[in-house]
Amino acid sequence: MVLEPLAYGHAGQHLTGWLARPEGVSRAAVVVFPTIANFNAAMERRARMLADLGYLAMVADFYGNQTPSFPLADELRADTANYRGRLAAAIAAMRGLPEAAGLPMLAIGYCMGGQAALEVMRDGQDLLAAVSFHGILSTGRPAEPGTVKGRLLVCHGDADPLVPREQVIAFWEEMDRAGADWHFHAYSGVRHGFTDPGSDARGVDAIKYNASADRQSWAAMTSLFDEVLA
């Protein structure tokens, strides 16, 4: 399966999504928000996995033709309204595809993309569900009561130093105040980046692959999607 480029834009920035099509009729459309590294082999693999399950999947683009970096990601996220606009543009691009017409919409994300998946729900996007894998849980604009329309699943490594326990508790309290329908799965001893087999090669103590958490979190996602699409 060869992923197809999908051109779209936001605030004057040309962006490129990468589309994976299933064989046969699509169950739903899924926007995949990538890690801080943007589109790469790991995100392509996830889009293919979704297509194999019958989903029309698109990996979103955070930066366009700019080289991914922590300063660039920080700059994008510093302006919450602009950041959410960039994320909404990906959803609109997917929704605008003829083959997505009438399909239920879902979102998932990894690391920075995990935060992005939560941000689109905080923003009130009309999605059935969103799933965050080892995502940052903080936000520049907490959810207001009634804004989170779909269901949320957060898959979190309990030993993730980028998301300390106080951030977890703050997220729970935020979602309760907003009246959100949320599930939170925490995996003991598991660090950031637990879904990427390439994490260990980075030599960063905060980042480590965990095969069990990878399998369990993906199974939780597929179970939730089956439920909301039933």
C-alpha atoms as a PDB file:
ATOM      1  CA  MET A   1       0.000   0.000   0.000  1.00  0.00           C
ATOM      2  CA  VAL A   2       1.413   3.361  -1.062  1.00  0.00           C
ATOM      3  CA  LEU A   3       0.266   6.361   0.957  1.00  0.00           C
ATOM      4  CA  GLU A   4      -1.071   9.225  -1.142  1.00  0.00           C
ATOM      5  CA  PRO A   5      -0.249  12.899  -0.518  1.00  0.00           C
ATOM      6  CA  LEU A   6      -3.148  15.221   0.266  1.00  0.00           C
ATOM      7  CA  ALA A   7      -2.455  18.935  -0.054  1.00  0.00           C
ATOM      8  CA  TYR A   8      -4.166  21.358   2.312  1.00  0.00           C
ATOM      9  CA  GLY A   9      -3.240  24.527   4.142  1.00  0.00           C
ATOM     10  CA  HIS A  10      -3.617  26.756   7.162  1.00  0.00           C
ATOM     11  CA  ALA A  11      -2.747  30.412   7.793  1.00  0.00           C
ATOM     12  CA  GLY A  12      -0.667  30.637   4.626  1.00  0.00           C
ATOM     13  CA  GLN A  13       1.293  27.453   5.359  1.00  0.00           C
ATOM     14  CA  HIS A  14       1.141  24.730   2.721  1.00  0.00           C
ATOM     15  CA  LEU A  15       0.643  21.349   4.372  1.00  0.00           C
ATOM     16  CA  THR A  16       0.669  17.744   3.164  1.00  0.00           C
ATOM     17  CA  GLY A  17      -1.306  14.923   4.711  1.00  0.00           C
ATOM     18  CA  TRP A  18      -0.594  11.293   3.875  1.00  0.00           C
ATOM     19  CA  LEU A  19      -3.577   9.107   3.122  1.00  0.00           C
ATOM     20  CA  ALA A  20      -3.944   5.333   3.562  1.00  0.00           C
ATOM     21  CA  ARG A  21      -6.989   3.760   1.945  1.00  0.00           C
ATOM     22  CA  PRO A  22      -8.571   0.476   3.041  1.00  0.00           C
ATOM     23  CA  GLU A  23      -9.649  -2.249   0.697  1.00  0.00           C
ATOM     24  CA  GLY A  24     -13.401  -2.105   0.280  1.00  0.00           C
ATOM     25  CA  VAL A  25     -15.787   0.230   2.077  1.00  0.00           C
ATOM     26  CA  SER A  26     -14.341   2.402   4.861  1.00  0.00           C
ATOM     27  CA  ARG A  27     -15.717   2.002   8.382  1.00  0.00           C
ATOM     28  CA  ALA A  28     -14.774   5.558   9.375  1.00  0.00           C
ATOM     29  CA  ALA A  29     -12.214   8.281   8.722  1.00  0.00           C
ATOM     30  CA  VAL A  30      -9.305   8.649  11.170  1.00  0.00           C
ATOM     31  CA  VAL A  31      -6.969  11.634  11.400  1.00  0.00           C
ATOM     32  CA  VAL A  32      -3.589  10.583  12.807  1.00  0.00           C
ATOM     33  CA  PHE A  33      -1.699  13.373  14.554  1.00  0.00           C
ATOM     34  CA  PRO A  34       2.017  12.500  14.471  1.00  0.00           C
ATOM     35  CA  THR A  35       4.852  12.889  16.939  1.00  0.00           C
ATOM     36  CA  ILE A  36       6.943  16.037  17.107  1.00  0.00           C
ATOM     37  CA  ALA A  37       8.995  14.512  14.261  1.00  0.00           C
ATOM     38  CA  ASN A  38       5.935  14.852  11.988  1.00  0.00           C
ATOM     39  CA  PHE A  39       5.391  12.273   9.230  1.00  0.00           C
ATOM     40  CA  ASN A  40       7.876   9.400   9.445  1.00  0.00           C
ATOM     41  CA  ALA A  41       8.046   5.619   9.107  1.00  0.00           C
ATOM     42  CA  ALA A  42       6.381   5.019  12.480  1.00  0.00           C
ATOM     43  CA  MET A  43       3.389   7.209  11.568  1.00  0.00           C
ATOM     44  CA  GLU A  44       3.159   5.647   8.106  1.00  0.00           C
ATOM     45  CA  ARG A  45       3.012   2.239   9.798  1.00  0.00           C
ATOM     46  CA  ARG A  46       0.114   3.329  12.004  1.00  0.00           C
ATOM     47  CA  ALA A  47      -1.828   4.666   9.025  1.00  0.00           C
ATOM     48  CA  ARG A  48      -1.337   1.339   7.258  1.00  0.00           C
ATOM     49  CA  MET A  49      -2.474  -0.550  10.357  1.00  0.00           C
ATOM     50  CA  LEU A  50      -5.651   1.525  10.459  1.00  0.00           C
ATOM     51  CA  ALA A  51      -6.293   0.917   6.766  1.00  0.00           C
ATOM     52  CA  ASP A  52      -5.870  -2.814   7.365  1.00  0.00           C
ATOM     53  CA  LEU A  53      -8.677  -2.528   9.926  1.00  0.00           C
ATOM     54  CA  GLY A  54     -10.937  -0.882   7.370  1.00  0.00           C
ATOM     55  CA  TYR A  55     -10.377   2.789   8.192  1.00  0.00           C
ATOM     56  CA  LEU A  56      -9.601   5.644   5.835  1.00  0.00           C
ATOM     57  CA  ALA A  57      -6.591   7.170   7.610  1.00  0.00           C
ATOM     58  CA  MET A  58      -4.625  10.371   7.107  1.00  0.00           C
ATOM     59  CA  VAL A  59      -1.427  11.415   8.872  1.00  0.00           C
ATOM     60  CA  ALA A  60      -1.694  15.158   9.512  1.00  0.00           C
ATOM     61  CA  ASP A  61       1.091  17.693   8.947  1.00  0.00           C
ATOM     62  CA  PHE A  62       2.191  20.048  11.727  1.00  0.00           C
ATOM     63  CA  TYR A  63       4.838  22.117   9.927  1.00  0.00           C
ATOM     64  CA  GLY A  64       4.603  21.972   6.135  1.00  0.00           C
ATOM     65  CA  ASN A  65       8.022  22.210   4.518  1.00  0.00           C
ATOM     66  CA  GLN A  66       9.699  23.374   7.740  1.00  0.00           C
ATOM     67  CA  THR A  67      12.203  21.020   9.374  1.00  0.00           C
ATOM     68  CA  PRO A  68      10.687  19.497  12.552  1.00  0.00           C
ATOM     69  CA  SER A  69      12.288  20.728  15.769  1.00  0.00           C
ATOM     70  CA  PHE A  70      11.435  21.343  19.406  1.00  0.00           C
ATOM     71  CA  PRO A  71      11.567  25.153  18.966  1.00  0.00           C
ATOM     72  CA  LEU A  72       9.219  24.949  15.983  1.00  0.00           C
ATOM     73  CA  ALA A  73       6.800  22.727  17.911  1.00  0.00           C
ATOM     74  CA  ASP A  74       6.939  25.071  20.907  1.00  0.00           C
ATOM     75  CA  GLU A  75       6.238  28.050  18.659  1.00  0.00           C
ATOM     76  CA  LEU A  76       3.225  26.313  17.110  1.00  0.00           C
ATOM     77  CA  ARG A  77       1.757  25.338  20.469  1.00  0.00           C
ATOM     78  CA  ALA A  78       2.408  28.691  22.134  1.00  0.00           C
ATOM     79  CA  ASP A  79      -0.608  30.237  20.410  1.00  0.00           C
ATOM     80  CA  THR A  80      -3.452  27.902  21.340  1.00  0.00           C
ATOM     81  CA  ALA A  81      -5.930  29.385  18.861  1.00  0.00           C
ATOM     82  CA  ASN A  82      -3.466  29.092  15.978  1.00  0.00           C
ATOM     83  CA  TYR A  83      -2.470  25.585  17.067  1.00  0.00           C
ATOM     84  CA  ARG A  84      -6.065  24.432  17.164  1.00  0.00           C
ATOM     85  CA  GLY A  85      -6.618  26.035  13.774  1.00  0.00           C
ATOM     86  CA  ARG A  86      -3.741  23.984  12.356  1.00  0.00           C
ATOM     87  CA  LEU A  87      -5.285  20.800  13.784  1.00  0.00           C
ATOM     88  CA  ALA A  88      -8.773  21.704  12.574  1.00  0.00           C
ATOM     89  CA  ALA A  89      -7.385  22.201   9.063  1.00  0.00           C
ATOM     90  CA  ALA A  90      -6.310  18.549   8.994  1.00  0.00           C
ATOM     91  CA  ILE A  91      -9.759  17.410  10.067  1.00  0.00           C
ATOM     92  CA  ALA A  92     -11.372  19.640   7.434  1.00  0.00           C
ATOM     93  CA  ALA A  93      -9.054  18.258   4.743  1.00  0.00           C
ATOM     94  CA  MET A  94     -10.041  14.716   5.640  1.00  0.00           C
ATOM     95  CA  ARG A  95     -13.721  15.583   5.882  1.00  0.00           C
ATOM     96  CA  GLY A  96     -13.560  17.229   2.455  1.00  0.00           C
ATOM     97  CA  LEU A  97     -12.508  14.058   0.650  1.00  0.00           C
ATOM     98  CA  PRO A  98     -15.343  12.648  -1.479  1.00  0.00           C
ATOM     99  CA  GLU A  99     -14.721   9.159  -0.091  1.00  0.00           C
ATOM    100  CA  ALA A 100     -15.034  10.520   3.463  1.00  0.00           C
ATOM    101  CA  ALA A 101     -18.486  11.986   2.839  1.00  0.00           C
ATOM    102  CA  GLY A 102     -20.879  10.697   5.463  1.00  0.00           C
ATOM    103  CA  LEU A 103     -18.222   8.719   7.340  1.00  0.00           C
ATOM    104  CA  PRO A 104     -17.909   8.973  11.119  1.00  0.00           C
ATOM    105  CA  MET A 105     -14.774  10.921  12.109  1.00  0.00           C
ATOM    106  CA  LEU A 106     -12.178   9.802  14.660  1.00  0.00           C
ATOM    107  CA  ALA A 107      -8.720  11.003  15.703  1.00  0.00           C
ATOM    108  CA  ILE A 108      -5.642   9.494  17.295  1.00  0.00           C
ATOM    109  CA  GLY A 109      -2.223  10.907  18.096  1.00  0.00           C
ATOM    110  CA  TYR A 110       1.214  10.087  19.453  1.00  0.00           C
ATOM    111  CA  CYS A 111       3.360  12.225  21.796  1.00  0.00           C
ATOM    112  CA  MET A 112       2.785  15.791  20.532  1.00  0.00           C
ATOM    113  CA  GLY A 113       0.062  14.267  18.405  1.00  0.00           C
ATOM    114  CA  GLY A 114      -1.495  12.748  21.505  1.00  0.00           C
ATOM    115  CA  GLN A 115      -1.838  16.234  22.905  1.00  0.00           C
ATOM    116  CA  ALA A 116      -3.222  17.329  19.523  1.00  0.00           C
ATOM    117  CA  ALA A 117      -5.908  14.633  19.661  1.00  0.00           C
ATOM    118  CA  LEU A 118      -6.999  16.002  23.022  1.00  0.00           C
ATOM    119  CA  GLU A 119      -6.837  19.610  21.805  1.00  0.00           C
ATOM    120  CA  VAL A 120      -9.280  18.985  18.967  1.00  0.00           C
ATOM    121  CA  MET A 121     -11.743  17.560  21.479  1.00  0.00           C
ATOM    122  CA  ARG A 122     -11.228  20.504  23.819  1.00  0.00           C
ATOM    123  CA  ASP A 123     -11.919  22.672  20.758  1.00  0.00           C
ATOM    124  CA  GLY A 124     -15.310  21.048  20.261  1.00  0.00           C
ATOM    125  CA  GLN A 125     -14.567  19.222  17.018  1.00  0.00           C
ATOM    126  CA  ASP A 126     -17.376  16.921  15.925  1.00  0.00           C
ATOM    127  CA  LEU A 127     -15.613  13.560  16.390  1.00  0.00           C
ATOM    128  CA  LEU A 128     -17.007  10.312  17.728  1.00  0.00           C
ATOM    129  CA  ALA A 129     -13.815   9.581  19.672  1.00  0.00           C
ATOM    130  CA  ALA A 130     -10.167  10.529  20.058  1.00  0.00           C
ATOM    131  CA  VAL A 131      -7.246   8.521  21.435  1.00  0.00           C
ATOM    132  CA  SER A 132      -3.990   9.858  22.873  1.00  0.00           C
ATOM    133  CA  PHE A 133      -0.933   7.588  23.019  1.00  0.00           C
ATOM    134  CA  HIS A 134       1.760   8.863  25.428  1.00  0.00           C
ATOM    135  CA  GLY A 135       0.553  12.395  24.805  1.00  0.00           C
ATOM    136  CA  ILE A 136       1.192  15.547  26.793  1.00  0.00           C
ATOM    137  CA  LEU A 137      -1.929  16.256  28.867  1.00  0.00           C
ATOM    138  CA  SER A 138      -1.495  19.970  29.588  1.00  0.00           C
ATOM    139  CA  THR A 139      -3.173  22.693  27.537  1.00  0.00           C
ATOM    140  CA  GLY A 140      -3.175  26.444  27.132  1.00  0.00           C
ATOM    141  CA  ARG A 141      -6.976  26.484  27.171  1.00  0.00           C
ATOM    142  CA  PRO A 142      -8.782  23.900  29.349  1.00  0.00           C
ATOM    143  CA  ALA A 143     -12.007  22.375  28.100  1.00  0.00           C
ATOM    144  CA  GLU A 144     -15.203  24.214  28.916  1.00  0.00           C
ATOM    145  CA  PRO A 145     -18.301  22.350  30.120  1.00  0.00           C
ATOM    146  CA  GLY A 146     -20.042  20.679  27.200  1.00  0.00           C
ATOM    147  CA  THR A 147     -17.311  21.279  24.599  1.00  0.00           C
ATOM    148  CA  VAL A 148     -15.978  17.698  24.445  1.00  0.00           C
ATOM    149  CA  LYS A 149     -18.469  16.008  22.153  1.00  0.00           C
ATOM    150  CA  GLY A 150     -16.959  12.566  21.628  1.00  0.00           C
ATOM    151  CA  ARG A 151     -15.367   9.942  23.831  1.00  0.00           C
ATOM    152  CA  LEU A 152     -11.767  10.125  24.959  1.00  0.00           C
ATOM    153  CA  LEU A 153      -9.195   7.413  25.582  1.00  0.00           C
ATOM    154  CA  VAL A 154      -5.798   8.299  27.027  1.00  0.00           C
ATOM    155  CA  CYS A 155      -3.078   5.623  27.010  1.00  0.00           C
ATOM    156  CA  HIS A 156      -0.316   6.775  29.331  1.00  0.00           C
ATOM    157  CA  GLY A 157       2.980   5.431  30.630  1.00  0.00           C
ATOM    158  CA  ASP A 158       2.940   5.918  34.396  1.00  0.00           C
ATOM    159  CA  ALA A 159       6.729   6.378  34.445  1.00  0.00           C
ATOM    160  CA  ASP A 160       6.650   9.034  31.700  1.00  0.00           C
ATOM    161  CA  PRO A 161       8.779  11.920  33.059  1.00  0.00           C
ATOM    162  CA  LEU A 162       7.283  14.296  30.474  1.00  0.00           C
ATOM    163  CA  VAL A 163       3.832  13.821  31.998  1.00  0.00           C
ATOM    164  CA  PRO A 164       4.213  13.836  35.795  1.00  0.00           C
ATOM    165  CA  ARG A 165       1.493  12.641  38.131  1.00  0.00           C
ATOM    166  CA  GLU A 166       0.279  16.167  38.908  1.00  0.00           C
ATOM    167  CA  GLN A 167      -0.373  16.713  35.172  1.00  0.00           C
ATOM    168  CA  VAL A 168      -2.386  13.495  35.120  1.00  0.00           C
ATOM    169  CA  ILE A 169      -4.532  14.560  38.077  1.00  0.00           C
ATOM    170  CA  ALA A 170      -5.036  18.016  36.574  1.00  0.00           C
ATOM    171  CA  PHE A 171      -6.230  16.392  33.343  1.00  0.00           C
ATOM    172  CA  TRP A 172      -8.703  14.165  35.175  1.00  0.00           C
ATOM    173  CA  GLU A 173     -10.102  17.165  37.026  1.00  0.00           C
ATOM    174  CA  GLU A 174     -10.308  19.197  33.811  1.00  0.00           C
ATOM    175  CA  MET A 175     -12.251  16.464  32.048  1.00  0.00           C
ATOM    176  CA  ASP A 176     -14.600  16.033  35.001  1.00  0.00           C
ATOM    177  CA  ARG A 177     -15.326  19.769  35.071  1.00  0.00           C
ATOM    178  CA  ALA A 178     -15.998  19.650  31.328  1.00  0.00           C
ATOM    179  CA  GLY A 179     -18.371  16.700  31.715  1.00  0.00           C
ATOM    180  CA  ALA A 180     -16.330  14.636  29.247  1.00  0.00           C
ATOM    181  CA  ASP A 181     -16.738  10.898  28.691  1.00  0.00           C
ATOM    182  CA  TRP A 182     -13.172   9.697  29.243  1.00  0.00           C
ATOM    183  CA  HIS A 183     -11.140   6.550  29.851  1.00  0.00           C
ATOM    184  CA  PHE A 184      -7.590   6.665  31.184  1.00  0.00           C
ATOM    185  CA  HIS A 185      -5.269   3.654  30.873  1.00  0.00           C
ATOM    186  CA  ALA A 186      -1.972   3.890  32.749  1.00  0.00           C
ATOM    187  CA  TYR A 187       0.802   1.319  32.358  1.00  0.00           C
ATOM    188  CA  SER A 188       3.106   0.925  35.362  1.00  0.00           C
ATOM    189  CA  GLY A 189       6.825   1.401  34.811  1.00  0.00           C
ATOM    190  CA  VAL A 190       6.263   2.511  31.205  1.00  0.00           C
ATOM    191  CA  ARG A 191       7.984   5.579  29.795  1.00  0.00           C
ATOM    192  CA  HIS A 192       7.305   8.041  26.991  1.00  0.00           C
ATOM    193  CA  GLY A 193       7.224   6.779  23.399  1.00  0.00           C
ATOM    194  CA  PHE A 194       6.149   3.281  24.402  1.00  0.00           C
ATOM    195  CA  THR A 195       4.446   2.512  21.058  1.00  0.00           C
ATOM    196  CA  ASP A 196       7.526   3.050  18.871  1.00  0.00           C
ATOM    197  CA  PRO A 197       9.975   0.118  18.553  1.00  0.00           C
ATOM    198  CA  GLY A 198      12.593   2.682  17.526  1.00  0.00           C
ATOM    199  CA  SER A 199      12.409   4.508  20.858  1.00  0.00           C
ATOM    200  CA  ASP A 200      15.230   2.548  22.502  1.00  0.00           C
ATOM    201  CA  ALA A 201      17.675   3.456  19.731  1.00  0.00           C
ATOM    202  CA  ARG A 202      17.361   7.156  20.588  1.00  0.00           C
ATOM    203  CA  GLY A 203      19.387   6.701  23.768  1.00  0.00           C
ATOM    204  CA  VAL A 204      17.113   8.995  25.795  1.00  0.00           C
ATOM    205  CA  ASP A 205      16.206   7.773  29.280  1.00  0.00           C
ATOM    206  CA  ALA A 206      12.725   9.329  29.145  1.00  0.00           C
ATOM    207  CA  ILE A 207      11.821   7.368  26.006  1.00  0.00           C
ATOM    208  CA  LYS A 208      11.519   3.583  25.893  1.00  0.00           C
ATOM    209  CA  TYR A 209       9.507   1.064  23.894  1.00  0.00           C
ATOM    210  CA  ASN A 210       7.217  -1.311  25.778  1.00  0.00           C
ATOM    211  CA  ALA A 211       5.753  -4.138  23.707  1.00  0.00           C
ATOM    212  CA  SER A 212       2.982  -4.980  26.173  1.00  0.00           C
ATOM    213  CA  ALA A 213       1.792  -1.377  26.531  1.00  0.00           C
ATOM    214  CA  ASP A 214       1.967  -1.019  22.756  1.00  0.00           C
ATOM    215  CA  ARG A 215      -0.267  -4.070  22.230  1.00  0.00           C
ATOM    216  CA  GLN A 216      -2.665  -3.247  25.059  1.00  0.00           C
ATOM    217  CA  SER A 217      -3.120   0.390  24.041  1.00  0.00           C
ATOM    218  CA  TRP A 218      -3.800  -0.499  20.408  1.00  0.00           C
ATOM    219  CA  ALA A 219      -6.316  -3.140  21.520  1.00  0.00           C
ATOM    220  CA  ALA A 220      -8.016  -0.550  23.739  1.00  0.00           C
ATOM    221  CA  MET A 221      -8.271   1.827  20.787  1.00  0.00           C
ATOM    222  CA  THR A 222      -9.768  -0.782  18.476  1.00  0.00           C
ATOM    223  CA  SER A 223     -12.246  -1.823  21.169  1.00  0.00           C
ATOM    224  CA  LEU A 224     -13.376   1.766  21.712  1.00  0.00           C
ATOM    225  CA  PHE A 225     -13.742   2.369  17.997  1.00  0.00           C
ATOM    226  CA  ASP A 226     -15.798  -0.807  17.624  1.00  0.00           C
ATOM    227  CA  GLU A 227     -18.054   0.379  20.421  1.00  0.00           C
ATOM    228  CA  VAL A 228     -18.657   3.911  19.180  1.00  0.00           C
ATOM    229  CA  LEU A 229     -19.230   2.699  15.611  1.00  0.00           C
ATOM    230  CA  ALA A 230     -21.647  -0.076  16.596  1.00  0.00           C
END
